[in-house]
C-alpha cells in the first residue's frame, strides 16, 4: 500500500500537469493517450505506445522473445514499423513457420477498437509475405477472461491491470482499477526500463548467440519461401479459414508448436556448443 499511497501523492502534487495531459512519477512522464499492446506467438513481448503510436518502452516476457528481439531497436519507432520488424525477426528465427498455416499470433490492446485495427495490421504484414497464421485478439487469453467479465472491461485492459498488480506486489486489482491510465502506465514503463537494462547487461550476449543459431536452422526455408513469393508462386493465405481450422484444433496445434520450438532450440544449443555448421 505504501507504493499506492506514493502514486496518489505524486498525482495530487502534479495535478496541474495531469490536467494538461501529463503524469509524472519520478523521472517518468506519461502522456494522455498512452496505450498498452502485447504480442504473443510463443515469444511474448509487450510495448507501451504514446498517443501518436510511437513505441515508448518494450519488455521481453520470456526467453524466446529475448532471442527474437535481441538485436532489435524498437523504441522510438512507429508501432506498425516495430511490429513488422518484430514479425520478420520471428520468421527468420523460425518461431513463425513459413511452411505451415498453424502459426498462432495473439495481439491485444487495452482499447478494443485499437485491438481490431492491430489484428488487421498483423494480417496485412503476413499477407505481404504469404505466411499463414491464425490471428486473434484478447479472446484467446483465457486467464484474463474472468476478470474482464467480472469488472466489465476488455480482456486487454484486464491484462494491463493484472501486469501492474504483478509488478507492484502490494497493489490489488481493485485498487489498480481506481488508478488513472497514466498511473498504471508509469508502473509498467518503470518495469520495462529496468527489465531492458538487466537484459542488456546480463543476457543479451547469450540471446544474440542463440538467435544466430536459430536463424541458421531456419533461414534456408525462409529464403526459399521468399523466392517463391517474389516469383508469384505463393498466394496470400485465407486467414479466416486458417483461424477457423486452428480454433477447432487449438490444443493439439499449441502442443505441436511447443514441441517444434523446443526441438529447434535444442538443435541450436547443440550447434552452438559443438560449433557444428548447419548444412
Protein backbone atom coordinates (compact mmCIF):
# COMPACT_ATOMS: atom_id res chain seq x y z
CA UNK A 1 0.00 0.00 0.00
CA UNK A 2 2.96 2.36 0.50
CA UNK A 3 3.64 2.33 -3.24
CA UNK A 4 -0.03 3.01 -3.94
CA UNK A 5 -0.05 5.94 -1.50
CA UNK A 6 3.07 7.34 -3.14
CA UNK A 7 1.37 7.23 -6.51
CA UNK A 8 -1.64 9.17 -5.22
CA UNK A 9 0.57 11.77 -3.51
CA UNK A 10 2.60 12.24 -6.67
CA UNK A 11 -0.57 12.52 -8.74
CA UNK A 12 -2.02 15.17 -6.40
CA UNK A 13 1.20 17.19 -6.23
CA UNK A 14 1.37 17.29 -10.02
CA UNK A 15 -2.30 17.99 -10.60
CA UNK A 16 -1.60 20.91 -12.93
CA UNK A 17 0.49 18.65 -15.18
CA UNK A 18 -2.13 15.92 -15.14
CA UNK A 19 -4.77 18.44 -16.13
CA UNK A 20 -2.66 19.24 -19.18
CA UNK A 21 -2.50 15.59 -20.17
CA UNK A 22 0.76 14.66 -18.42
CA UNK A 23 1.55 12.44 -15.45
CA UNK A 24 4.98 12.33 -13.82
CA UNK A 25 6.35 9.70 -11.45
CA UNK A 26 10.00 10.35 -10.54
CA UNK A 27 11.71 10.56 -13.95
CA UNK A 28 8.74 9.12 -15.88
CA UNK A 29 6.44 11.37 -17.86
CA UNK A 30 3.33 9.71 -19.26
CA UNK A 31 1.24 11.48 -21.87
CA UNK A 32 -2.50 11.18 -22.05
CA UNK A 33 -3.44 8.63 -24.71
CA UNK A 34 -0.62 6.22 -23.89
CA UNK A 35 -1.65 2.60 -24.56
CA UNK A 36 -0.52 -0.95 -23.87
CA UNK A 37 -0.03 -3.62 -26.53
CA UNK A 38 1.12 -7.23 -26.23
CA UNK A 39 2.13 -9.69 -28.95
CA UNK A 40 2.18 -13.41 -28.23
CA UNK A 41 3.43 -16.03 -30.68
CA UNK A 42 5.38 -18.13 -28.25
CA UNK A 43 7.84 -15.29 -27.89
CA UNK A 44 5.83 -12.80 -25.82
CA UNK A 45 6.55 -9.09 -25.91
CA UNK A 46 4.72 -6.02 -24.66
CA UNK A 47 5.06 -2.40 -25.66
CA UNK A 48 3.89 0.94 -24.36
CA UNK A 49 2.85 3.34 -27.13
CA UNK A 50 2.37 7.10 -26.87
CA UNK A 51 -0.68 8.91 -28.24
CA UNK A 52 0.96 9.06 -31.68
CA UNK A 53 1.53 5.30 -31.74
CA UNK A 54 5.28 5.56 -31.16
CA UNK A 55 6.95 2.82 -29.10
CA UNK A 56 7.95 4.26 -25.71
CA UNK A 57 9.16 1.11 -23.96
CA UNK A 58 9.47 -2.61 -24.67
CA UNK A 59 9.64 -5.64 -22.39
CA UNK A 60 10.51 -9.22 -23.39
CA UNK A 61 8.31 -11.54 -21.32
CA UNK A 62 10.12 -14.82 -21.96
CA UNK A 63 13.41 -16.24 -23.21
CA UNK A 64 12.02 -16.78 -26.70
CA UNK A 65 11.23 -13.07 -27.03
CA UNK A 66 14.75 -12.22 -25.89
CA UNK A 67 16.14 -14.46 -28.64
CA UNK A 68 13.88 -12.99 -31.34
CA UNK A 69 14.40 -9.34 -30.39
CA UNK A 70 17.98 -9.46 -29.05
CA UNK A 71 19.35 -7.13 -31.74
CA UNK A 72 16.22 -5.08 -32.46
CA UNK A 73 15.93 -1.36 -31.72
CA UNK A 74 12.17 -0.83 -31.47
CA UNK A 75 11.91 2.14 -29.10
CA UNK A 76 11.12 5.36 -30.94
CA UNK A 77 9.62 3.61 -33.97
CA UNK A 78 6.00 3.91 -35.12
CA UNK A 79 4.26 0.80 -33.85
CA UNK A 80 3.42 -0.59 -37.28
CA UNK A 81 7.07 -0.40 -38.26
CA UNK A 82 8.15 -2.02 -34.98
CA UNK A 83 5.52 -4.74 -35.46
CA UNK A 84 6.77 -5.51 -38.96
CA UNK A 85 10.38 -5.70 -37.79
CA UNK A 86 9.43 -7.99 -34.91
CA UNK A 87 7.37 -10.33 -37.11
CA UNK A 88 10.22 -10.58 -39.63
CA UNK A 89 12.62 -11.42 -36.80
CA UNK A 90 10.25 -14.13 -35.55
CA UNK A 91 10.02 -15.57 -39.07
CA UNK A 92 13.79 -15.55 -39.55
CA UNK A 93 14.37 -17.30 -36.22
CA UNK A 94 11.78 -19.97 -37.06
CA UNK A 95 9.18 -19.01 -34.45
CA UNK A 96 6.75 -18.33 -37.28
CA UNK A 97 6.93 -21.27 -39.69
CA UNK A 98 6.72 -20.17 -43.34
CA UNK A 99 5.77 -23.71 -44.38
CA UNK A 100 2.79 -24.02 -42.05
CA UNK A 101 -0.56 -22.34 -41.54
CA UNK A 102 -0.63 -23.48 -37.92
CA UNK A 103 1.03 -20.40 -36.52
CA UNK A 104 -0.88 -18.55 -33.83
CA UNK A 105 -0.45 -14.83 -33.18
CA UNK A 106 -2.39 -13.06 -30.43
CA UNK A 107 -2.26 -9.28 -30.25
CA UNK A 108 -4.01 -7.31 -27.53
CA UNK A 109 -4.51 -3.68 -26.68
CA UNK A 110 -6.29 -2.11 -23.72
CA UNK A 111 -8.63 -0.42 -26.25
CA UNK A 112 -10.78 -2.98 -28.10
CA UNK A 113 -11.21 -0.78 -31.18
CA UNK A 114 -7.45 -0.33 -31.47
CA UNK A 115 -7.01 -4.07 -30.99
CA UNK A 116 -9.15 -4.78 -34.06
CA UNK A 117 -7.00 -2.41 -36.12
CA UNK A 118 -3.84 -4.11 -34.88
CA UNK A 119 -5.15 -7.55 -35.88
CA UNK A 120 -5.70 -6.17 -39.38
CA UNK A 121 -2.15 -4.79 -39.37
CA UNK A 122 -0.73 -8.23 -38.49
CA UNK A 123 -2.77 -9.86 -41.25
CA UNK A 124 -1.56 -7.31 -43.80
CA UNK A 125 2.07 -7.88 -42.83
CA UNK A 126 1.72 -11.65 -43.09
CA UNK A 127 -0.28 -11.47 -46.33
CA UNK A 128 2.50 -9.48 -47.98
CA UNK A 129 4.85 -12.32 -47.03
CA UNK A 130 2.32 -15.07 -47.88
CA UNK A 131 2.72 -16.53 -44.39
CA UNK A 132 -0.21 -18.36 -42.84
CA UNK A 133 -1.33 -17.78 -39.27
CA UNK A 134 -4.41 -17.62 -37.11
CA UNK A 135 -4.61 -14.08 -35.79
CA UNK A 136 -6.52 -13.50 -32.56
CA UNK A 137 -7.19 -10.72 -30.10
CA UNK A 138 -7.86 -10.90 -26.39
CA UNK A 139 -10.47 -13.63 -26.82
CA UNK A 140 -7.64 -16.18 -26.72
CA UNK A 141 -6.32 -15.08 -23.33
CA UNK A 142 -8.40 -17.31 -21.10
CA UNK A 143 -6.52 -16.32 -17.95
CA UNK A 144 -7.95 -12.78 -18.16
CA UNK A 145 -11.50 -13.57 -19.28
CA UNK A 146 -12.99 -13.95 -15.82
CA UNK A 147 -11.51 -10.63 -14.70
CA UNK A 148 -12.78 -8.92 -17.84
CA UNK A 149 -16.30 -10.25 -17.26
CA UNK A 150 -16.32 -9.54 -13.51
CA UNK A 151 -15.28 -5.92 -13.94
CA UNK A 152 -16.90 -5.25 -17.33
CA UNK A 153 -13.64 -4.30 -19.02
CA UNK A 154 -11.85 -5.54 -22.12
CA UNK A 155 -9.54 -8.53 -21.91
CA UNK A 156 -6.65 -6.29 -22.98
CA UNK A 157 -7.34 -3.91 -20.10
CA UNK A 158 -7.66 -6.84 -17.70
CA UNK A 159 -4.22 -7.96 -18.80
CA UNK A 160 -2.79 -4.45 -18.43
CA UNK A 161 -4.13 -4.04 -14.89
CA UNK A 162 -3.01 -7.55 -13.96
CA UNK A 163 0.50 -6.71 -15.11
CA UNK A 164 0.52 -3.58 -12.91
CA UNK A 165 -0.62 -5.66 -9.93
CA UNK A 166 2.02 -8.30 -10.66
CA UNK A 167 4.76 -5.67 -10.89
CA UNK A 168 3.77 -3.62 -7.84
CA UNK A 169 3.27 -6.55 -5.48
CA UNK A 170 1.30 -4.52 -2.92
CA UNK A 171 -1.40 -3.29 -5.28
CA UNK A 172 -4.70 -5.17 -5.54
CA UNK A 173 -6.69 -5.46 -8.75
CA UNK A 174 -9.50 -3.37 -7.25
CA UNK A 175 -7.06 -0.64 -6.21
CA UNK A 176 -5.46 -0.65 -9.65
CA UNK A 177 -8.87 -0.15 -11.26
CA UNK A 178 -9.09 3.19 -9.45
CA UNK A 179 -5.78 4.43 -10.81
CA UNK A 180 -5.65 6.57 -13.91
CA UNK A 181 -4.36 5.15 -17.17
CA UNK A 182 -1.25 7.27 -16.78
CA UNK A 183 -0.56 6.00 -13.27
CA UNK A 184 -0.85 2.40 -14.44
CA UNK A 185 1.40 3.10 -17.41
CA UNK A 186 4.05 4.63 -15.16
CA UNK A 187 4.27 1.33 -13.27
CA UNK A 188 4.81 -0.63 -16.50
CA UNK A 189 7.22 1.88 -18.00
CA UNK A 190 9.45 1.73 -14.92
CA UNK A 191 9.41 -2.08 -15.07
CA UNK A 192 10.12 -2.14 -18.81
CA UNK A 193 13.12 0.13 -18.41
CA UNK A 194 14.52 -1.93 -15.54
CA UNK A 195 13.96 -5.20 -17.42
CA UNK A 196 15.69 -3.89 -20.53
CA UNK A 197 18.69 -2.64 -18.56
CA UNK A 198 19.06 -6.04 -16.92
CA UNK A 199 18.64 -7.87 -20.22
CA UNK A 200 21.30 -5.79 -21.97
CA UNK A 201 23.72 -6.13 -19.06
CA UNK A 202 23.23 -9.83 -18.28
CA UNK A 203 21.52 -11.81 -21.05
CA UNK A 204 21.74 -10.04 -24.38
CA UNK A 205 25.02 -11.60 -25.48
CA UNK A 206 23.71 -15.13 -24.86
CA UNK A 207 20.41 -14.30 -26.58
CA UNK A 208 22.26 -13.00 -29.63
CA UNK A 209 24.28 -16.22 -29.84
CA UNK A 210 21.09 -18.31 -29.68
CA UNK A 211 19.41 -16.05 -32.23
CA UNK A 212 22.25 -16.68 -34.65
CA UNK A 213 21.88 -20.44 -34.22
CA UNK A 214 18.08 -20.31 -34.53
CA UNK A 215 18.38 -18.28 -37.73
CA UNK A 216 20.92 -20.74 -39.09
CA UNK A 217 18.38 -23.51 -38.64
CA UNK A 218 15.51 -21.61 -40.28
CA UNK A 219 16.90 -19.31 -42.98
CA UNK A 220 17.20 -21.86 -45.77
CA UNK A 221 13.44 -22.45 -45.69
CA UNK A 222 12.71 -18.75 -45.17
CA UNK A 223 14.80 -17.70 -48.15
CA UNK A 224 13.25 -20.38 -50.37
CA UNK A 225 9.79 -19.19 -49.33
CA UNK A 226 10.66 -15.57 -50.07
CA UNK A 227 11.96 -16.52 -53.50
CA UNK A 228 8.67 -18.30 -54.27
CA UNK A 229 6.67 -15.29 -53.07
CA UNK A 230 8.74 -12.93 -55.24
CA UNK A 231 8.19 -15.26 -58.22
CA UNK A 232 4.44 -15.18 -57.66
CA UNK A 233 4.28 -18.89 -56.85
CA UNK A 234 2.59 -18.45 -53.46
CA UNK A 235 -0.60 -16.50 -52.84
CA UNK A 236 -1.69 -14.84 -49.61
CA UNK A 237 -3.47 -17.37 -47.35
CA UNK A 238 -7.15 -17.30 -46.41
CA UNK A 239 -6.83 -16.04 -42.84
CA UNK A 240 -10.49 -16.56 -41.94
CA UNK A 241 -10.25 -20.22 -42.96
CA UNK A 242 -6.97 -20.66 -41.08
CA UNK A 243 -8.45 -19.15 -37.93
CA UNK A 244 -11.45 -21.48 -38.10
CA UNK A 245 -9.20 -24.53 -38.56
CA UNK A 246 -6.95 -23.51 -35.70
CA UNK A 247 -9.88 -22.82 -33.36
CA UNK A 248 -11.13 -26.37 -34.00
CA UNK A 249 -7.78 -27.91 -33.08
CA UNK A 250 -6.22 -25.31 -30.82
CA UNK A 251 -4.77 -27.52 -28.08
CA UNK A 252 -3.17 -30.02 -30.48
CA UNK A 253 -1.69 -27.16 -32.55
CA UNK A 254 -0.26 -25.45 -29.47
CA UNK A 255 1.31 -28.71 -28.29
CA UNK A 256 2.82 -29.40 -31.72
CA UNK A 257 4.16 -25.84 -31.88
CA UNK A 258 5.78 -26.13 -28.47
CA UNK A 259 7.39 -29.43 -29.44
CA UNK A 260 8.76 -27.90 -32.66
CA UNK A 261 10.23 -24.88 -30.88
CA UNK A 262 11.80 -26.98 -28.14
CA UNK A 263 13.38 -29.23 -30.77
CA UNK A 264 14.67 -26.22 -32.71
CA UNK A 265 16.10 -24.67 -29.54
CA UNK A 266 17.84 -27.91 -28.62
CA UNK A 267 19.34 -28.21 -32.09
CA UNK A 268 20.50 -24.59 -31.88
CA UNK A 269 22.09 -25.21 -28.48
CA UNK A 270 23.84 -28.32 -29.81
CA UNK A 271 25.23 -26.39 -32.80
CA UNK A 272 26.38 -23.60 -30.51
CA UNK A 273 28.07 -26.00 -28.07
CA UNK A 274 29.69 -28.11 -30.77
CA UNK A 275 30.26 -25.37 -33.37
CA UNK A 276 28.52 -27.52 -35.96
CA UNK A 277 27.55 -25.52 -39.09
CA UNK A 278 24.05 -26.02 -40.48
CA UNK A 279 24.09 -27.70 -43.90
